[in-house]
N, C-alpha and C. Protein backbone atom coordinates (compact mmCIF):
# COMPACT_ATOMS: atom_id res chain seq x y z
N MET A 1 -41.32 -153.49 83.64
CA MET A 1 -40.98 -154.01 84.96
C MET A 1 -41.04 -155.55 84.84
N LYS A 2 -39.94 -156.17 85.16
CA LYS A 2 -39.88 -157.64 85.05
C LYS A 2 -40.37 -158.23 86.36
N GLU A 3 -40.89 -159.48 86.22
CA GLU A 3 -41.57 -160.13 87.35
C GLU A 3 -40.71 -160.36 88.57
N LYS A 4 -39.84 -161.37 88.53
CA LYS A 4 -39.19 -161.80 89.75
C LYS A 4 -37.78 -161.28 89.87
N GLU A 5 -37.25 -160.76 88.74
CA GLU A 5 -35.89 -160.17 88.83
C GLU A 5 -35.87 -158.97 89.74
N SER A 6 -36.92 -158.25 89.85
CA SER A 6 -36.94 -157.01 90.65
C SER A 6 -37.37 -157.24 92.08
N ILE A 7 -37.67 -158.47 92.44
CA ILE A 7 -38.12 -158.79 93.84
C ILE A 7 -37.03 -159.61 94.46
N SER A 8 -36.50 -159.17 95.54
CA SER A 8 -35.39 -159.89 96.23
C SER A 8 -35.89 -161.13 96.87
N ALA A 9 -34.96 -162.04 97.16
CA ALA A 9 -35.31 -163.29 97.80
C ALA A 9 -35.92 -163.03 99.20
N SER A 10 -35.41 -162.09 99.95
CA SER A 10 -35.92 -161.82 101.22
C SER A 10 -37.38 -161.40 101.21
N ILE A 11 -37.78 -160.65 100.22
CA ILE A 11 -39.21 -160.29 100.03
C ILE A 11 -40.00 -161.55 99.65
N MET A 12 -39.47 -162.27 98.66
CA MET A 12 -40.20 -163.46 98.16
C MET A 12 -40.38 -164.51 99.28
N GLU A 13 -39.49 -164.51 100.27
CA GLU A 13 -39.64 -165.49 101.33
C GLU A 13 -40.44 -164.96 102.53
N ASN A 14 -40.85 -163.73 102.49
CA ASN A 14 -41.60 -163.16 103.56
C ASN A 14 -42.93 -163.88 103.67
N GLU A 15 -43.25 -164.27 104.91
CA GLU A 15 -44.43 -165.11 105.16
C GLU A 15 -45.71 -164.39 104.78
N ALA A 16 -45.86 -163.13 105.14
CA ALA A 16 -47.07 -162.40 104.80
C ALA A 16 -47.22 -162.24 103.30
N TYR A 17 -46.13 -161.94 102.65
CA TYR A 17 -46.12 -161.73 101.20
C TYR A 17 -46.48 -163.04 100.49
N GLN A 18 -45.88 -164.17 100.92
CA GLN A 18 -46.23 -165.45 100.37
C GLN A 18 -47.69 -165.86 100.62
N ASN A 19 -48.22 -165.46 101.75
CA ASN A 19 -49.66 -165.71 102.03
C ASN A 19 -50.54 -165.02 100.95
N ILE A 20 -50.18 -163.81 100.62
CA ILE A 20 -50.92 -163.08 99.62
C ILE A 20 -50.80 -163.78 98.24
N LEU A 21 -49.58 -164.12 97.86
CA LEU A 21 -49.35 -164.70 96.51
C LEU A 21 -49.93 -166.09 96.40
N SER A 22 -50.02 -166.86 97.49
CA SER A 22 -50.43 -168.28 97.40
C SER A 22 -51.91 -168.48 97.70
N ARG A 23 -52.64 -167.44 98.08
CA ARG A 23 -54.07 -167.58 98.36
C ARG A 23 -54.79 -167.94 97.04
N THR A 24 -55.71 -168.90 97.13
CA THR A 24 -56.52 -169.26 95.98
C THR A 24 -57.98 -169.43 96.47
N SER A 25 -58.88 -169.42 95.54
CA SER A 25 -60.25 -169.65 95.83
C SER A 25 -60.48 -171.13 95.99
N VAL A 26 -61.01 -171.55 97.20
CA VAL A 26 -61.21 -172.95 97.51
C VAL A 26 -62.70 -173.19 97.66
N ARG A 27 -63.18 -174.20 96.89
CA ARG A 27 -64.60 -174.51 96.83
C ARG A 27 -64.99 -175.89 97.32
N ASN A 28 -63.96 -176.66 97.77
CA ASN A 28 -64.27 -178.00 98.29
C ASN A 28 -63.53 -178.14 99.62
N TYR A 29 -64.28 -178.70 100.58
CA TYR A 29 -63.74 -178.75 101.91
C TYR A 29 -63.92 -180.12 102.54
N THR A 30 -63.10 -180.38 103.55
CA THR A 30 -63.25 -181.60 104.35
C THR A 30 -64.38 -181.31 105.38
N ASP A 31 -64.73 -182.30 106.18
CA ASP A 31 -65.77 -182.06 107.16
C ASP A 31 -65.19 -181.70 108.53
N GLN A 32 -63.88 -181.44 108.59
CA GLN A 32 -63.22 -181.04 109.80
C GLN A 32 -63.80 -179.74 110.33
N PRO A 33 -64.21 -179.75 111.61
CA PRO A 33 -64.75 -178.51 112.18
C PRO A 33 -63.69 -177.45 112.39
N ILE A 34 -64.08 -176.24 112.50
CA ILE A 34 -63.20 -175.13 112.71
C ILE A 34 -63.31 -174.66 114.14
N ALA A 35 -62.19 -174.58 114.82
CA ALA A 35 -62.18 -174.19 116.22
C ALA A 35 -62.65 -172.74 116.40
N ASP A 36 -63.32 -172.48 117.52
CA ASP A 36 -63.84 -171.15 117.83
C ASP A 36 -62.75 -170.11 117.78
N GLU A 37 -61.54 -170.46 118.27
CA GLU A 37 -60.39 -169.53 118.27
C GLU A 37 -60.03 -169.06 116.84
N ILE A 38 -60.12 -170.01 115.94
CA ILE A 38 -59.81 -169.66 114.53
C ILE A 38 -60.93 -168.83 113.95
N LYS A 39 -62.15 -169.13 114.23
CA LYS A 39 -63.25 -168.34 113.73
C LYS A 39 -63.10 -166.87 114.26
N SER A 40 -62.79 -166.74 115.51
CA SER A 40 -62.63 -165.44 116.08
C SER A 40 -61.43 -164.65 115.43
N ALA A 41 -60.31 -165.41 115.20
CA ALA A 41 -59.14 -164.78 114.57
C ALA A 41 -59.48 -164.25 113.17
N ILE A 42 -60.24 -165.01 112.45
CA ILE A 42 -60.67 -164.60 111.05
C ILE A 42 -61.51 -163.34 111.14
N LEU A 43 -62.44 -163.31 112.07
CA LEU A 43 -63.32 -162.13 112.21
C LEU A 43 -62.55 -160.87 112.68
N HIS A 44 -61.56 -161.10 113.60
CA HIS A 44 -60.70 -159.97 114.01
C HIS A 44 -59.95 -159.41 112.78
N ALA A 45 -59.45 -160.30 111.92
CA ALA A 45 -58.77 -159.85 110.74
C ALA A 45 -59.66 -159.02 109.83
N GLY A 46 -60.88 -159.49 109.69
CA GLY A 46 -61.86 -158.69 108.87
C GLY A 46 -62.03 -157.30 109.43
N MET A 47 -62.13 -157.18 110.75
CA MET A 47 -62.37 -155.90 111.33
C MET A 47 -61.08 -155.00 111.38
N ALA A 48 -59.94 -155.56 111.02
CA ALA A 48 -58.72 -154.81 111.00
C ALA A 48 -58.54 -154.07 109.65
N ALA A 49 -59.54 -154.20 108.79
CA ALA A 49 -59.40 -153.61 107.46
C ALA A 49 -59.50 -152.05 107.57
N PRO A 50 -58.93 -151.40 106.58
CA PRO A 50 -59.07 -149.92 106.52
C PRO A 50 -60.50 -149.55 106.12
N SER A 51 -60.93 -148.39 106.54
CA SER A 51 -62.26 -147.89 106.09
C SER A 51 -62.25 -146.37 106.02
N GLY A 52 -62.98 -145.84 105.11
CA GLY A 52 -63.06 -144.39 104.96
C GLY A 52 -63.60 -143.71 106.21
N VAL A 53 -62.88 -142.70 106.67
CA VAL A 53 -63.19 -141.95 107.85
C VAL A 53 -63.35 -142.86 109.07
N ASN A 54 -62.77 -144.08 109.00
CA ASN A 54 -62.84 -145.08 110.02
C ASN A 54 -64.28 -145.39 110.44
N LYS A 55 -65.18 -145.38 109.47
CA LYS A 55 -66.59 -145.64 109.71
C LYS A 55 -66.85 -147.12 110.02
N GLN A 56 -65.97 -148.04 109.55
CA GLN A 56 -66.13 -149.48 109.78
C GLN A 56 -67.59 -149.91 109.61
N PRO A 57 -68.09 -149.80 108.34
CA PRO A 57 -69.52 -150.02 108.10
C PRO A 57 -69.87 -151.51 108.01
N TRP A 58 -68.96 -152.40 108.36
CA TRP A 58 -69.23 -153.82 108.20
C TRP A 58 -69.98 -154.46 109.38
N GLU A 59 -70.69 -155.52 109.00
CA GLU A 59 -71.29 -156.42 109.95
C GLU A 59 -70.96 -157.83 109.42
N PHE A 60 -70.63 -158.74 110.29
CA PHE A 60 -70.28 -160.09 109.86
C PHE A 60 -71.24 -161.08 110.49
N ILE A 61 -71.82 -161.91 109.67
CA ILE A 61 -72.71 -162.97 110.17
C ILE A 61 -71.98 -164.27 109.98
N LEU A 62 -71.49 -164.86 111.10
CA LEU A 62 -70.85 -166.15 111.07
C LEU A 62 -71.91 -167.23 111.08
N ILE A 63 -71.84 -168.10 110.09
CA ILE A 63 -72.86 -169.16 109.94
C ILE A 63 -72.18 -170.50 110.06
N ASP A 64 -72.53 -171.26 111.06
CA ASP A 64 -72.03 -172.65 111.16
C ASP A 64 -73.14 -173.69 111.40
N ASP A 65 -74.36 -173.22 111.28
CA ASP A 65 -75.49 -174.13 111.39
C ASP A 65 -75.67 -174.81 110.01
N LYS A 66 -75.60 -176.14 109.94
CA LYS A 66 -75.66 -176.88 108.69
C LYS A 66 -76.93 -176.63 107.87
N ASP A 67 -78.07 -176.45 108.58
CA ASP A 67 -79.30 -176.18 107.87
C ASP A 67 -79.28 -174.86 107.18
N ILE A 68 -78.73 -173.84 107.84
CA ILE A 68 -78.66 -172.54 107.23
C ILE A 68 -77.65 -172.51 106.06
N LEU A 69 -76.49 -173.17 106.29
CA LEU A 69 -75.52 -173.29 105.18
C LEU A 69 -76.13 -173.95 103.97
N LYS A 70 -76.88 -175.01 104.23
CA LYS A 70 -77.55 -175.70 103.07
C LYS A 70 -78.58 -174.82 102.42
N SER A 71 -79.36 -174.10 103.22
CA SER A 71 -80.36 -173.23 102.67
C SER A 71 -79.74 -172.14 101.76
N LEU A 72 -78.63 -171.60 102.21
CA LEU A 72 -77.91 -170.61 101.41
C LEU A 72 -77.40 -171.25 100.09
N ALA A 73 -76.84 -172.42 100.22
CA ALA A 73 -76.30 -173.11 99.03
C ALA A 73 -77.40 -173.43 98.05
N ASP A 74 -78.57 -173.88 98.55
CA ASP A 74 -79.69 -174.19 97.70
C ASP A 74 -80.28 -173.00 97.02
N SER A 75 -80.15 -171.80 97.61
CA SER A 75 -80.85 -170.62 97.18
C SER A 75 -79.99 -169.67 96.37
N LEU A 76 -78.67 -169.74 96.50
CA LEU A 76 -77.78 -168.80 95.82
C LEU A 76 -77.07 -169.50 94.69
N PRO A 77 -77.11 -168.90 93.48
CA PRO A 77 -76.64 -169.61 92.28
C PRO A 77 -75.15 -169.93 92.25
N TYR A 78 -74.33 -169.15 92.88
CA TYR A 78 -72.89 -169.33 92.82
C TYR A 78 -72.24 -169.68 94.17
N ALA A 79 -73.08 -170.15 95.12
CA ALA A 79 -72.57 -170.48 96.43
C ALA A 79 -72.95 -171.91 96.83
N LYS A 80 -72.98 -172.82 95.85
CA LYS A 80 -73.36 -174.18 96.11
C LYS A 80 -72.41 -174.90 97.07
N MET A 81 -71.14 -174.49 97.06
CA MET A 81 -70.13 -175.07 97.94
C MET A 81 -70.39 -174.79 99.42
N THR A 82 -71.28 -173.87 99.67
CA THR A 82 -71.57 -173.49 101.08
C THR A 82 -72.20 -174.68 101.83
N ALA A 83 -72.87 -175.57 101.16
CA ALA A 83 -73.49 -176.74 101.82
C ALA A 83 -72.47 -177.62 102.48
N GLN A 84 -71.29 -177.75 101.89
CA GLN A 84 -70.29 -178.66 102.48
C GLN A 84 -69.28 -177.92 103.36
N ALA A 85 -69.35 -176.64 103.38
CA ALA A 85 -68.43 -175.86 104.21
C ALA A 85 -68.81 -175.94 105.72
N PRO A 86 -67.87 -176.03 106.59
CA PRO A 86 -68.23 -176.01 108.01
C PRO A 86 -68.72 -174.67 108.52
N MET A 87 -68.39 -173.62 107.74
CA MET A 87 -68.87 -172.32 108.15
C MET A 87 -68.85 -171.38 106.94
N ALA A 88 -69.53 -170.29 107.06
CA ALA A 88 -69.48 -169.21 106.04
C ALA A 88 -69.62 -167.92 106.82
N ILE A 89 -69.14 -166.88 106.19
CA ILE A 89 -69.26 -165.51 106.76
C ILE A 89 -69.95 -164.67 105.71
N ALA A 90 -71.13 -164.12 106.15
CA ALA A 90 -71.80 -163.14 105.28
C ALA A 90 -71.25 -161.75 105.70
N VAL A 91 -70.63 -161.12 104.74
CA VAL A 91 -70.11 -159.77 104.97
C VAL A 91 -71.17 -158.80 104.49
N CYS A 92 -71.53 -157.94 105.45
CA CYS A 92 -72.64 -156.98 105.14
C CYS A 92 -72.19 -155.59 105.41
N GLY A 93 -72.90 -154.63 104.83
CA GLY A 93 -72.73 -153.22 105.15
C GLY A 93 -73.86 -152.74 106.01
N ASN A 94 -73.53 -151.93 107.01
CA ASN A 94 -74.53 -151.34 107.90
C ASN A 94 -74.80 -149.90 107.45
N SER A 95 -75.93 -149.67 106.84
CA SER A 95 -76.21 -148.34 106.23
C SER A 95 -76.17 -147.24 107.25
N SER A 96 -76.30 -147.50 108.51
CA SER A 96 -76.21 -146.43 109.49
C SER A 96 -74.78 -145.89 109.67
N ARG A 97 -73.86 -146.66 109.14
CA ARG A 97 -72.41 -146.20 109.17
C ARG A 97 -71.87 -145.87 107.78
N PHE A 98 -72.71 -145.74 106.80
CA PHE A 98 -72.26 -145.28 105.44
C PHE A 98 -72.01 -143.81 105.53
N LEU A 99 -71.04 -143.39 104.74
CA LEU A 99 -70.82 -141.95 104.59
C LEU A 99 -72.00 -141.33 103.85
N GLU A 100 -72.10 -140.04 103.84
CA GLU A 100 -73.21 -139.36 103.18
C GLU A 100 -72.78 -138.73 101.92
N GLY A 101 -73.79 -138.33 101.10
CA GLY A 101 -73.51 -137.56 99.90
C GLY A 101 -72.82 -138.40 98.85
N GLU A 102 -71.90 -137.77 98.13
CA GLU A 102 -71.25 -138.47 97.00
C GLU A 102 -70.34 -139.62 97.49
N ASP A 103 -70.04 -139.66 98.79
CA ASP A 103 -69.27 -140.76 99.35
C ASP A 103 -70.10 -141.90 99.86
N SER A 104 -71.40 -141.86 99.64
CA SER A 104 -72.25 -142.85 100.26
C SER A 104 -72.08 -144.27 99.74
N THR A 105 -71.44 -144.45 98.62
CA THR A 105 -71.15 -145.82 98.10
C THR A 105 -69.79 -146.31 98.48
N LEU A 106 -69.01 -145.53 99.21
CA LEU A 106 -67.64 -145.97 99.58
C LEU A 106 -67.65 -147.19 100.53
N TRP A 107 -68.81 -147.48 101.15
CA TRP A 107 -68.87 -148.66 102.02
C TRP A 107 -68.53 -149.90 101.23
N VAL A 108 -68.71 -149.93 99.94
CA VAL A 108 -68.40 -151.10 99.12
C VAL A 108 -66.87 -151.33 99.19
N GLN A 109 -66.11 -150.28 99.11
CA GLN A 109 -64.63 -150.44 99.23
C GLN A 109 -64.27 -150.96 100.62
N ASP A 110 -64.89 -150.41 101.63
CA ASP A 110 -64.57 -150.79 103.03
C ASP A 110 -64.85 -152.26 103.27
N VAL A 111 -66.02 -152.76 102.86
CA VAL A 111 -66.40 -154.14 103.10
C VAL A 111 -65.63 -155.05 102.16
N SER A 112 -65.21 -154.52 101.01
CA SER A 112 -64.29 -155.33 100.13
C SER A 112 -62.94 -155.58 100.82
N ALA A 113 -62.41 -154.53 101.45
CA ALA A 113 -61.12 -154.63 102.17
C ALA A 113 -61.30 -155.67 103.31
N ALA A 114 -62.40 -155.59 104.03
CA ALA A 114 -62.65 -156.54 105.12
C ALA A 114 -62.77 -157.93 104.57
N SER A 115 -63.43 -158.10 103.43
CA SER A 115 -63.55 -159.46 102.82
C SER A 115 -62.23 -160.04 102.45
N GLU A 116 -61.37 -159.23 101.86
CA GLU A 116 -60.04 -159.70 101.46
C GLU A 116 -59.27 -160.06 102.75
N ASN A 117 -59.38 -159.32 103.77
CA ASN A 117 -58.66 -159.66 105.05
C ASN A 117 -59.14 -161.03 105.54
N ILE A 118 -60.43 -161.26 105.42
CA ILE A 118 -61.01 -162.58 105.86
C ILE A 118 -60.40 -163.71 104.99
N LEU A 119 -60.34 -163.51 103.73
CA LEU A 119 -59.80 -164.52 102.82
C LEU A 119 -58.32 -164.80 103.13
N LEU A 120 -57.53 -163.74 103.37
CA LEU A 120 -56.11 -163.89 103.65
C LEU A 120 -55.91 -164.51 105.03
N ALA A 121 -56.69 -164.15 106.00
CA ALA A 121 -56.56 -164.76 107.32
C ALA A 121 -56.88 -166.22 107.30
N ALA A 122 -57.98 -166.58 106.58
CA ALA A 122 -58.36 -167.99 106.45
C ALA A 122 -57.20 -168.77 105.90
N HIS A 123 -56.64 -168.26 104.78
CA HIS A 123 -55.53 -168.93 104.13
C HIS A 123 -54.32 -169.05 105.03
N ALA A 124 -54.01 -168.01 105.72
CA ALA A 124 -52.86 -168.03 106.67
C ALA A 124 -53.03 -169.05 107.79
N LEU A 125 -54.29 -169.34 108.13
CA LEU A 125 -54.57 -170.29 109.22
C LEU A 125 -54.79 -171.68 108.72
N GLY A 126 -54.52 -171.95 107.46
CA GLY A 126 -54.62 -173.32 106.89
C GLY A 126 -55.98 -173.64 106.33
N LEU A 127 -56.85 -172.68 106.20
CA LEU A 127 -58.21 -172.89 105.67
C LEU A 127 -58.24 -172.43 104.21
N GLY A 128 -59.31 -172.82 103.59
CA GLY A 128 -59.62 -172.35 102.23
C GLY A 128 -60.93 -171.61 102.27
N ALA A 129 -61.07 -170.68 101.38
CA ALA A 129 -62.31 -169.88 101.31
C ALA A 129 -62.50 -169.35 99.90
N VAL A 130 -63.72 -168.91 99.65
CA VAL A 130 -63.98 -168.31 98.36
C VAL A 130 -65.02 -167.18 98.50
N TRP A 131 -64.84 -166.09 97.80
CA TRP A 131 -65.68 -164.95 97.79
C TRP A 131 -66.82 -165.23 96.83
N THR A 132 -68.06 -165.24 97.32
CA THR A 132 -69.21 -165.38 96.42
C THR A 132 -69.98 -164.07 96.46
N CYS A 133 -70.38 -163.57 95.30
CA CYS A 133 -70.98 -162.27 95.19
C CYS A 133 -72.48 -162.26 95.55
N LEU A 134 -72.87 -161.30 96.32
CA LEU A 134 -74.25 -161.02 96.64
C LEU A 134 -74.68 -159.64 96.05
N TYR A 135 -74.01 -158.63 96.51
CA TYR A 135 -74.25 -157.24 96.09
C TYR A 135 -73.57 -157.05 94.71
N PRO A 136 -74.24 -156.41 93.79
CA PRO A 136 -75.49 -155.69 93.85
C PRO A 136 -76.71 -156.37 93.27
N HIS A 137 -76.64 -157.75 93.29
CA HIS A 137 -77.72 -158.54 92.71
C HIS A 137 -78.92 -158.59 93.69
N GLU A 138 -79.97 -157.91 93.39
CA GLU A 138 -81.10 -157.76 94.33
C GLU A 138 -81.67 -159.12 94.74
N ASP A 139 -81.73 -160.08 93.80
CA ASP A 139 -82.30 -161.36 94.12
C ASP A 139 -81.44 -162.09 95.16
N ARG A 140 -80.14 -162.02 94.99
CA ARG A 140 -79.24 -162.70 95.98
C ARG A 140 -79.25 -161.98 97.32
N MET A 141 -79.32 -160.69 97.26
CA MET A 141 -79.39 -159.92 98.49
C MET A 141 -80.64 -160.18 99.27
N GLU A 142 -81.79 -160.19 98.56
CA GLU A 142 -83.05 -160.44 99.21
C GLU A 142 -83.08 -161.85 99.79
N THR A 143 -82.60 -162.84 99.03
CA THR A 143 -82.58 -164.22 99.51
C THR A 143 -81.77 -164.35 100.78
N THR A 144 -80.59 -163.78 100.76
CA THR A 144 -79.68 -163.81 101.93
C THR A 144 -80.29 -163.10 103.12
N SER A 145 -80.90 -161.95 102.89
CA SER A 145 -81.53 -161.20 103.98
C SER A 145 -82.61 -162.02 104.64
N ARG A 146 -83.42 -162.71 103.78
CA ARG A 146 -84.51 -163.57 104.33
C ARG A 146 -83.98 -164.71 105.12
N ILE A 147 -83.00 -165.44 104.58
CA ILE A 147 -82.49 -166.64 105.25
C ILE A 147 -81.79 -166.27 106.56
N LEU A 148 -81.04 -165.15 106.56
CA LEU A 148 -80.29 -164.76 107.74
C LEU A 148 -81.08 -163.77 108.67
N ASN A 149 -82.30 -163.49 108.25
CA ASN A 149 -83.15 -162.59 109.10
C ASN A 149 -82.46 -161.27 109.36
N LEU A 150 -81.91 -160.66 108.30
CA LEU A 150 -81.19 -159.40 108.45
C LEU A 150 -82.18 -158.27 108.63
N PRO A 151 -81.91 -157.38 109.59
CA PRO A 151 -82.80 -156.22 109.74
C PRO A 151 -82.64 -155.19 108.60
N GLU A 152 -83.59 -154.31 108.47
CA GLU A 152 -83.50 -153.26 107.48
C GLU A 152 -82.19 -152.45 107.75
N GLY A 153 -81.55 -152.07 106.66
CA GLY A 153 -80.35 -151.32 106.75
C GLY A 153 -79.05 -152.13 106.75
N ILE A 154 -79.22 -153.42 106.89
CA ILE A 154 -78.05 -154.33 106.81
C ILE A 154 -78.04 -154.89 105.36
N VAL A 155 -76.98 -154.53 104.59
CA VAL A 155 -76.94 -154.86 103.19
C VAL A 155 -75.96 -156.04 102.97
N PRO A 156 -76.45 -157.20 102.52
CA PRO A 156 -75.58 -158.36 102.24
C PRO A 156 -74.68 -157.97 101.07
N PHE A 157 -73.40 -158.14 101.28
CA PHE A 157 -72.41 -157.84 100.25
C PHE A 157 -71.82 -159.04 99.59
N CYS A 158 -71.31 -160.00 100.41
CA CYS A 158 -70.75 -161.26 99.86
C CYS A 158 -70.88 -162.32 100.92
N LEU A 159 -70.79 -163.57 100.40
CA LEU A 159 -70.81 -164.72 101.31
C LEU A 159 -69.51 -165.47 101.06
N ILE A 160 -68.82 -165.76 102.18
CA ILE A 160 -67.51 -166.44 102.10
C ILE A 160 -67.59 -167.75 102.79
N PRO A 161 -67.80 -168.84 102.06
CA PRO A 161 -67.69 -170.21 102.63
C PRO A 161 -66.22 -170.46 103.03
N VAL A 162 -66.05 -171.07 104.17
CA VAL A 162 -64.75 -171.33 104.73
C VAL A 162 -64.62 -172.76 105.28
N GLY A 163 -63.49 -173.43 105.02
CA GLY A 163 -63.29 -174.76 105.53
C GLY A 163 -61.88 -175.24 105.23
N TYR A 164 -61.53 -176.39 105.72
CA TYR A 164 -60.26 -177.00 105.43
C TYR A 164 -60.32 -177.57 104.02
N PRO A 165 -59.37 -177.17 103.15
CA PRO A 165 -59.41 -177.60 101.75
C PRO A 165 -59.33 -179.11 101.64
N ASP A 166 -60.08 -179.69 100.74
CA ASP A 166 -60.08 -181.14 100.52
C ASP A 166 -58.79 -181.60 99.80
N LYS A 167 -58.01 -180.66 99.21
CA LYS A 167 -56.75 -180.98 98.58
C LYS A 167 -55.87 -179.79 98.56
N GLN A 168 -54.63 -179.95 98.29
CA GLN A 168 -53.64 -178.85 98.14
C GLN A 168 -53.98 -178.12 96.86
N HIS A 169 -54.04 -176.79 96.92
CA HIS A 169 -54.31 -176.00 95.72
C HIS A 169 -53.02 -175.25 95.34
N ALA A 170 -52.59 -175.42 94.10
CA ALA A 170 -51.41 -174.67 93.61
C ALA A 170 -51.80 -173.21 93.36
N PRO A 171 -50.95 -172.32 93.79
CA PRO A 171 -51.25 -170.90 93.55
C PRO A 171 -51.25 -170.59 92.08
N ILE A 172 -52.05 -169.64 91.69
CA ILE A 172 -52.12 -169.19 90.29
C ILE A 172 -51.34 -167.91 90.17
N ASP A 173 -50.34 -167.93 89.29
CA ASP A 173 -49.55 -166.70 89.03
C ASP A 173 -50.39 -165.69 88.25
N LYS A 174 -50.76 -164.61 88.85
CA LYS A 174 -51.66 -163.63 88.23
C LYS A 174 -50.85 -162.39 87.76
N TRP A 175 -49.49 -162.48 87.80
CA TRP A 175 -48.66 -161.34 87.39
C TRP A 175 -48.75 -161.10 85.88
N HIS A 176 -48.97 -159.89 85.49
CA HIS A 176 -49.04 -159.49 84.04
C HIS A 176 -48.23 -158.15 83.96
N ALA A 177 -46.95 -158.22 83.59
CA ALA A 177 -46.13 -157.05 83.52
C ALA A 177 -46.72 -155.98 82.65
N GLU A 178 -47.42 -156.35 81.64
CA GLU A 178 -48.00 -155.36 80.68
C GLU A 178 -49.12 -154.53 81.32
N ARG A 179 -49.56 -154.88 82.51
CA ARG A 179 -50.60 -154.14 83.18
C ARG A 179 -50.06 -153.14 84.20
N VAL A 180 -48.78 -153.03 84.22
CA VAL A 180 -48.08 -152.09 85.14
C VAL A 180 -47.61 -150.90 84.32
N HIS A 181 -47.97 -149.71 84.73
CA HIS A 181 -47.61 -148.50 84.01
C HIS A 181 -46.93 -147.55 85.00
N ILE A 182 -45.82 -146.99 84.66
CA ILE A 182 -45.08 -146.12 85.53
C ILE A 182 -45.28 -144.68 85.16
N ASN A 183 -45.69 -143.89 86.16
CA ASN A 183 -45.89 -142.43 86.03
C ASN A 183 -46.96 -142.05 84.98
N GLY A 184 -47.91 -142.90 84.74
CA GLY A 184 -48.97 -142.64 83.79
C GLY A 184 -49.18 -143.86 82.94
N TYR A 185 -50.26 -143.83 82.15
CA TYR A 185 -50.56 -144.98 81.35
C TYR A 185 -49.65 -145.06 80.15
């Protein structure tokens, strides 16, 4: 399967499709505040994600307090950029809404879909964001739980710093034709 020869111009010009292709991880932000309407829109996008049996096991902690952002940045090894972000979203799983039995770990897929929606919505609204990993690292999860005062049963999954990018970021072409297999490997 060839890269762009098989994709029509009308698809390539589609706004939603271009938003997906042009999203990048942004780790440096201006100090411009984010309007409440935009914060709300990003959270709505997160909650629009698909979830197994429609359990919607996510909880979102919106953080815009500079002291808390700095504390997270100082305490988490791969989230240092959080200190300069005007906000971050901690995406968590609520164990009371996890499926049971062999499907009990499917919440990870659900909150992953919600996290990607948050990243795409932020990008679509002119913001930059980056997914920083918390789960399954016990030390990061415990640190985040303590700083955010999370109750038992709320599992920190990832932290997404969000802000206006300090510069234009060129999209990275991640297409690898050799990783596409038709009708089997």
